N, C-alpha and C. Protein backbone atom coordinates (compact mmCIF):
# COMPACT_ATOMS: atom_id res chain seq x y z
N MET A 1 0.82 -1.20 0.00
CA MET A 1 0.00 0.00 0.00
C MET A 1 0.86 1.26 0.00
N GLU A 2 1.94 1.25 0.81
CA GLU A 2 2.77 2.44 0.90
C GLU A 2 3.50 2.76 -0.40
N PRO A 3 4.01 1.77 -1.14
CA PRO A 3 4.64 2.11 -2.43
C PRO A 3 3.67 2.75 -3.41
N VAL A 4 2.42 2.30 -3.39
CA VAL A 4 1.41 2.89 -4.30
C VAL A 4 1.17 4.35 -3.92
N LEU A 5 1.07 4.62 -2.63
CA LEU A 5 0.86 6.01 -2.20
C LEU A 5 2.10 6.87 -2.46
N ALA A 6 3.28 6.27 -2.35
CA ALA A 6 4.51 7.03 -2.64
C ALA A 6 4.55 7.41 -4.12
N ILE A 7 4.17 6.47 -4.99
CA ILE A 7 4.13 6.78 -6.43
C ILE A 7 3.07 7.82 -6.72
N LEU A 8 1.92 7.70 -6.09
CA LEU A 8 0.85 8.68 -6.28
C LEU A 8 1.27 10.07 -5.80
N THR A 9 1.99 10.11 -4.68
CA THR A 9 2.50 11.39 -4.17
C THR A 9 3.48 12.01 -5.17
N GLY A 10 4.35 11.19 -5.72
CA GLY A 10 5.29 11.70 -6.72
C GLY A 10 4.60 12.22 -7.96
N LEU A 11 3.55 11.53 -8.39
CA LEU A 11 2.78 12.01 -9.54
C LEU A 11 2.08 13.33 -9.23
N PHE A 12 1.55 13.45 -8.03
CA PHE A 12 0.92 14.72 -7.63
C PHE A 12 1.93 15.86 -7.65
N PHE A 13 3.13 15.61 -7.10
CA PHE A 13 4.16 16.66 -7.09
C PHE A 13 4.56 17.04 -8.51
N ALA A 14 4.75 16.04 -9.37
CA ALA A 14 5.16 16.33 -10.75
C ALA A 14 4.08 17.12 -11.49
N PHE A 15 2.83 16.72 -11.34
CA PHE A 15 1.75 17.42 -12.02
C PHE A 15 1.57 18.84 -11.45
N ALA A 16 1.74 18.99 -10.13
CA ALA A 16 1.62 20.32 -9.53
C ALA A 16 2.71 21.26 -10.02
N VAL A 17 3.94 20.76 -10.12
CA VAL A 17 5.04 21.60 -10.63
C VAL A 17 4.79 21.96 -12.08
N TYR A 18 4.30 21.01 -12.86
CA TYR A 18 3.99 21.29 -14.27
C TYR A 18 2.95 22.41 -14.38
N LEU A 19 1.93 22.35 -13.55
CA LEU A 19 0.89 23.39 -13.60
C LEU A 19 1.39 24.72 -13.05
N LEU A 20 2.27 24.69 -12.06
CA LEU A 20 2.80 25.94 -11.51
C LEU A 20 3.70 26.66 -12.50
N LEU A 21 4.28 25.95 -13.44
CA LEU A 21 5.15 26.58 -14.43
C LEU A 21 4.36 27.18 -15.59
N SER A 22 3.05 27.06 -15.58
CA SER A 22 2.22 27.61 -16.64
C SER A 22 2.18 29.13 -16.53
N LYS A 23 1.75 29.77 -17.61
CA LYS A 23 1.65 31.23 -17.57
C LYS A 23 0.22 31.71 -17.33
N PHE A 24 -0.71 30.77 -17.13
CA PHE A 24 -2.09 31.14 -16.84
C PHE A 24 -2.36 30.96 -15.35
N ILE A 25 -3.02 31.94 -14.78
CA ILE A 25 -3.19 31.95 -13.33
C ILE A 25 -4.09 30.82 -12.85
N ILE A 26 -5.11 30.48 -13.62
CA ILE A 26 -6.01 29.40 -13.19
C ILE A 26 -5.25 28.08 -13.09
N ARG A 27 -4.38 27.81 -14.04
CA ARG A 27 -3.57 26.59 -13.96
C ARG A 27 -2.65 26.63 -12.74
N MET A 28 -2.12 27.80 -12.45
CA MET A 28 -1.26 27.93 -11.26
C MET A 28 -2.04 27.64 -9.99
N LEU A 29 -3.29 28.13 -9.93
CA LEU A 29 -4.10 27.88 -8.74
C LEU A 29 -4.41 26.40 -8.58
N ILE A 30 -4.72 25.73 -9.67
CA ILE A 30 -4.96 24.29 -9.60
C ILE A 30 -3.68 23.57 -9.17
N GLY A 31 -2.53 24.05 -9.64
CA GLY A 31 -1.25 23.47 -9.22
C GLY A 31 -1.01 23.64 -7.73
N VAL A 32 -1.38 24.80 -7.19
CA VAL A 32 -1.22 25.03 -5.74
C VAL A 32 -2.11 24.08 -4.96
N ALA A 33 -3.34 23.88 -5.43
CA ALA A 33 -4.26 22.97 -4.74
C ALA A 33 -3.73 21.53 -4.78
N ILE A 34 -3.23 21.11 -5.94
CA ILE A 34 -2.69 19.74 -6.04
C ILE A 34 -1.42 19.60 -5.21
N LEU A 35 -0.62 20.65 -5.15
CA LEU A 35 0.59 20.61 -4.33
C LEU A 35 0.25 20.45 -2.85
N GLY A 36 -0.80 21.13 -2.40
CA GLY A 36 -1.24 20.97 -1.01
C GLY A 36 -1.70 19.55 -0.73
N ASN A 37 -2.44 18.96 -1.67
CA ASN A 37 -2.87 17.58 -1.48
C ASN A 37 -1.69 16.62 -1.50
N ALA A 38 -0.69 16.90 -2.33
CA ALA A 38 0.49 16.04 -2.38
C ALA A 38 1.25 16.09 -1.06
N VAL A 39 1.34 17.27 -0.47
CA VAL A 39 2.03 17.38 0.82
C VAL A 39 1.25 16.64 1.90
N ASN A 40 -0.07 16.76 1.89
CA ASN A 40 -0.88 16.04 2.86
C ASN A 40 -0.72 14.53 2.71
N LEU A 41 -0.70 14.06 1.49
CA LEU A 41 -0.53 12.63 1.24
C LEU A 41 0.86 12.17 1.66
N LEU A 42 1.86 13.02 1.47
CA LEU A 42 3.22 12.70 1.90
C LEU A 42 3.29 12.56 3.42
N ILE A 43 2.68 13.49 4.13
CA ILE A 43 2.68 13.42 5.60
C ILE A 43 1.93 12.18 6.06
N PHE A 44 0.80 11.89 5.43
CA PHE A 44 0.00 10.74 5.81
C PHE A 44 0.75 9.43 5.55
N THR A 45 1.46 9.35 4.46
CA THR A 45 2.22 8.15 4.14
C THR A 45 3.41 7.97 5.08
N ASN A 46 4.04 9.07 5.48
CA ASN A 46 5.17 8.98 6.40
C ASN A 46 4.75 8.55 7.80
N GLY A 47 3.49 8.71 8.15
CA GLY A 47 3.00 8.31 9.47
C GLY A 47 2.71 6.82 9.55
N ARG A 48 3.07 6.05 8.58
CA ARG A 48 2.85 4.60 8.48
C ARG A 48 1.36 4.31 8.39
N LEU A 49 1.03 3.42 7.50
CA LEU A 49 -0.35 3.03 7.27
C LEU A 49 -0.60 1.70 7.98
N LEU A 50 -1.24 1.78 9.12
CA LEU A 50 -1.53 0.58 9.90
C LEU A 50 -3.03 0.54 10.18
N ARG A 51 -3.71 -0.33 9.51
CA ARG A 51 -5.16 -0.39 9.68
C ARG A 51 -5.56 -1.14 10.94
N GLU A 52 -4.81 -2.17 11.34
CA GLU A 52 -5.23 -3.02 12.45
C GLU A 52 -4.79 -2.51 13.81
N VAL A 53 -4.05 -1.41 13.87
CA VAL A 53 -3.55 -0.88 15.12
C VAL A 53 -4.49 0.20 15.63
N PRO A 54 -4.87 0.15 16.94
CA PRO A 54 -5.77 1.18 17.46
C PRO A 54 -5.07 2.53 17.53
N PRO A 55 -5.80 3.62 17.32
CA PRO A 55 -5.17 4.94 17.32
C PRO A 55 -4.94 5.49 18.72
N VAL A 56 -5.60 4.95 19.76
CA VAL A 56 -5.46 5.47 21.12
C VAL A 56 -5.16 4.32 22.07
N LEU A 57 -4.77 4.66 23.31
CA LEU A 57 -4.48 3.64 24.32
C LEU A 57 -5.77 3.02 24.81
N GLN A 58 -5.69 1.78 25.21
CA GLN A 58 -6.85 1.10 25.77
C GLN A 58 -7.08 1.60 27.20
N PRO A 59 -8.32 1.56 27.71
CA PRO A 59 -8.59 2.05 29.07
C PRO A 59 -7.84 1.22 30.12
N GLY A 60 -7.30 1.92 31.12
CA GLY A 60 -6.59 1.26 32.19
C GLY A 60 -5.12 1.03 31.93
N LEU A 61 -4.64 1.41 30.80
CA LEU A 61 -3.23 1.22 30.48
C LEU A 61 -2.52 2.57 30.47
N ASP A 62 -1.38 2.63 31.14
CA ASP A 62 -0.55 3.83 31.08
C ASP A 62 0.44 3.76 29.92
N VAL A 63 0.85 2.56 29.63
CA VAL A 63 1.81 2.32 28.56
C VAL A 63 1.14 1.40 27.55
N PRO A 64 1.28 1.66 26.27
CA PRO A 64 0.63 0.78 25.29
C PRO A 64 1.16 -0.65 25.38
N ALA A 65 0.20 -1.61 25.34
CA ALA A 65 0.59 -3.01 25.41
C ALA A 65 1.21 -3.48 24.10
N SER A 66 0.80 -2.87 23.02
CA SER A 66 1.36 -3.22 21.71
C SER A 66 1.57 -1.93 20.93
N THR A 67 1.82 -2.07 19.69
CA THR A 67 2.05 -0.91 18.84
C THR A 67 0.76 -0.12 18.66
N VAL A 68 0.86 1.20 18.77
CA VAL A 68 -0.30 2.07 18.55
C VAL A 68 0.00 2.98 17.38
N ALA A 69 -1.07 3.47 16.76
CA ALA A 69 -0.90 4.38 15.64
C ALA A 69 -0.47 5.75 16.14
N ASN A 70 0.27 6.46 15.35
CA ASN A 70 0.75 7.79 15.69
C ASN A 70 -0.30 8.81 15.28
N PRO A 71 -0.89 9.55 16.24
CA PRO A 71 -1.91 10.53 15.87
C PRO A 71 -1.33 11.84 15.33
N LEU A 72 -0.02 12.01 15.40
CA LEU A 72 0.60 13.27 14.95
C LEU A 72 0.38 13.54 13.46
N PRO A 73 0.53 12.55 12.56
CA PRO A 73 0.28 12.86 11.14
C PRO A 73 -1.14 13.33 10.87
N GLN A 74 -2.11 12.72 11.55
CA GLN A 74 -3.49 13.17 11.33
C GLN A 74 -3.69 14.60 11.80
N ALA A 75 -3.09 14.96 12.95
CA ALA A 75 -3.21 16.33 13.44
C ALA A 75 -2.51 17.31 12.49
N LEU A 76 -1.36 16.91 11.98
CA LEU A 76 -0.65 17.79 11.04
C LEU A 76 -1.43 17.97 9.75
N ILE A 77 -2.06 16.89 9.29
CA ILE A 77 -2.82 16.99 8.04
C ILE A 77 -4.05 17.88 8.22
N LEU A 78 -4.72 17.75 9.37
CA LEU A 78 -5.87 18.62 9.59
C LEU A 78 -5.46 20.09 9.61
N THR A 79 -4.35 20.38 10.25
CA THR A 79 -3.85 21.76 10.26
C THR A 79 -3.46 22.20 8.86
N ALA A 80 -2.82 21.32 8.11
CA ALA A 80 -2.39 21.67 6.75
C ALA A 80 -3.58 21.88 5.82
N ILE A 81 -4.66 21.13 6.03
CA ILE A 81 -5.86 21.32 5.21
C ILE A 81 -6.44 22.71 5.43
N VAL A 82 -6.52 23.13 6.67
CA VAL A 82 -7.08 24.45 6.97
C VAL A 82 -6.19 25.55 6.39
N ILE A 83 -4.89 25.41 6.57
CA ILE A 83 -3.97 26.44 6.07
C ILE A 83 -3.99 26.47 4.55
N SER A 84 -3.98 25.32 3.89
CA SER A 84 -3.96 25.30 2.43
C SER A 84 -5.28 25.81 1.85
N PHE A 85 -6.40 25.54 2.53
CA PHE A 85 -7.67 26.07 2.04
C PHE A 85 -7.71 27.59 2.14
N SER A 86 -7.23 28.13 3.25
CA SER A 86 -7.23 29.59 3.39
C SER A 86 -6.25 30.23 2.40
N PHE A 87 -5.11 29.59 2.18
CA PHE A 87 -4.15 30.10 1.20
C PHE A 87 -4.73 30.07 -0.20
N PHE A 88 -5.43 28.98 -0.54
CA PHE A 88 -6.05 28.87 -1.85
C PHE A 88 -7.13 29.93 -2.05
N ALA A 89 -7.94 30.17 -0.99
CA ALA A 89 -8.99 31.19 -1.08
C ALA A 89 -8.37 32.57 -1.29
N PHE A 90 -7.26 32.86 -0.59
CA PHE A 90 -6.59 34.14 -0.76
C PHE A 90 -6.06 34.29 -2.19
N LEU A 91 -5.44 33.24 -2.72
CA LEU A 91 -4.91 33.31 -4.08
C LEU A 91 -6.03 33.43 -5.11
N LEU A 92 -7.16 32.79 -4.85
CA LEU A 92 -8.29 32.88 -5.77
C LEU A 92 -8.83 34.30 -5.83
N VAL A 93 -8.99 34.94 -4.68
CA VAL A 93 -9.47 36.32 -4.64
C VAL A 93 -8.45 37.26 -5.28
N LEU A 94 -7.19 37.03 -5.00
CA LEU A 94 -6.14 37.87 -5.58
C LEU A 94 -6.11 37.75 -7.10
N SER A 95 -6.24 36.53 -7.61
CA SER A 95 -6.23 36.35 -9.06
C SER A 95 -7.50 36.91 -9.70
N TRP A 96 -8.63 36.80 -9.02
CA TRP A 96 -9.87 37.39 -9.56
C TRP A 96 -9.74 38.91 -9.65
N ARG A 97 -9.14 39.49 -8.62
CA ARG A 97 -8.95 40.94 -8.61
C ARG A 97 -7.99 41.37 -9.74
N ALA A 98 -6.94 40.60 -9.96
CA ALA A 98 -6.01 40.91 -11.04
C ALA A 98 -6.68 40.73 -12.40
N TYR A 99 -7.50 39.71 -12.52
CA TYR A 99 -8.20 39.49 -13.78
C TYR A 99 -9.18 40.62 -14.08
N LYS A 100 -9.90 41.09 -13.06
CA LYS A 100 -10.85 42.19 -13.27
C LYS A 100 -10.12 43.49 -13.61
N GLY A 101 -8.99 43.70 -12.99
CA GLY A 101 -8.24 44.93 -13.23
C GLY A 101 -7.51 44.96 -14.56
N LEU A 102 -6.98 43.83 -14.97
CA LEU A 102 -6.15 43.80 -16.17
C LEU A 102 -6.85 43.17 -17.37
N GLY A 103 -7.90 42.39 -17.14
CA GLY A 103 -8.66 41.80 -18.23
C GLY A 103 -8.06 40.54 -18.82
N THR A 104 -7.08 39.95 -18.18
CA THR A 104 -6.47 38.73 -18.68
C THR A 104 -5.92 37.92 -17.52
N ASP A 105 -5.78 36.61 -17.76
CA ASP A 105 -5.13 35.78 -16.75
C ASP A 105 -3.78 35.26 -17.24
N ASN A 106 -3.34 35.77 -18.36
CA ASN A 106 -2.03 35.42 -18.90
C ASN A 106 -0.98 36.30 -18.24
N THR A 107 -0.01 35.68 -17.62
CA THR A 107 0.98 36.47 -16.87
C THR A 107 1.89 37.28 -17.79
N ASP A 108 2.03 36.86 -19.04
CA ASP A 108 2.84 37.66 -19.97
C ASP A 108 2.14 38.97 -20.32
N ARG A 109 0.82 38.94 -20.41
CA ARG A 109 0.08 40.17 -20.73
C ARG A 109 -0.14 41.05 -19.52
N MET A 110 0.11 40.52 -18.34
CA MET A 110 -0.07 41.32 -17.11
C MET A 110 1.09 42.26 -16.87
N ARG A 111 2.05 42.27 -17.73
CA ARG A 111 3.25 43.08 -17.51
C ARG A 111 3.11 44.47 -18.10
N ILE A 112 1.89 45.02 -18.09
CA ILE A 112 1.70 46.33 -18.68
C ILE A 112 2.31 47.44 -17.83
N THR A 113 2.49 47.18 -16.55
CA THR A 113 3.07 48.20 -15.69
C THR A 113 4.58 48.22 -15.77
N GLU A 114 5.17 47.19 -16.34
CA GLU A 114 6.62 47.17 -16.47
C GLU A 114 7.03 47.98 -17.70
N PRO A 115 8.20 48.60 -17.68
CA PRO A 115 8.64 49.39 -18.83
C PRO A 115 8.90 48.49 -20.04
N GLN A 116 8.58 49.00 -21.22
CA GLN A 116 8.78 48.24 -22.45
C GLN A 116 10.26 48.14 -22.81
N GLU A 117 10.99 49.21 -22.58
CA GLU A 117 12.41 49.20 -22.90
C GLU A 117 13.21 48.82 -21.66
N PRO A 118 14.30 48.13 -21.85
CA PRO A 118 15.09 47.76 -20.67
C PRO A 118 15.68 49.00 -20.00
N VAL A 119 15.59 49.01 -18.70
CA VAL A 119 16.13 50.12 -17.93
C VAL A 119 17.60 49.85 -17.65
N LEU A 120 18.43 50.82 -17.99
CA LEU A 120 19.86 50.64 -17.78
C LEU A 120 20.19 50.82 -16.30
N PRO A 121 21.17 50.09 -15.83
CA PRO A 121 21.57 50.26 -14.43
C PRO A 121 22.28 51.59 -14.25
N PRO A 122 22.31 52.12 -13.06
CA PRO A 122 23.00 53.40 -12.84
C PRO A 122 24.48 53.28 -13.16
N GLU A 123 25.02 54.35 -13.75
CA GLU A 123 26.41 54.31 -14.18
C GLU A 123 27.40 54.64 -13.07
N GLY A 124 26.95 55.35 -12.07
CA GLY A 124 27.86 55.70 -10.98
C GLY A 124 27.09 55.95 -9.70
N TYR A 125 27.82 55.99 -8.64
CA TYR A 125 27.18 56.23 -7.34
C TYR A 125 27.64 57.53 -6.76
């Protein structure tokens, strides 16, 4: 099971990087969302996948009698989901605002505020 999830995580990372290198903002946003899911899957896979192990201690035991599941990856993933959702919402609003202001989602056409001619560096101080 873990090798399949490791391969799936690698595919998510590769596809997210491919989308982030695009010049269209919508593709970049989808890449950010897939990258967040890839990170969550990576954390979940690193926490070991044990279906038959209980996640908490049994009542009356101070020390686990056998192997228990680590709840830390689940807590980290829940925190990462909230953070990635808020980050995605911020990027979505920011890109919508840029699209309304400039009329395009192509990052090459968004460079209207940059000078057309190259600016020479200062010759002396």
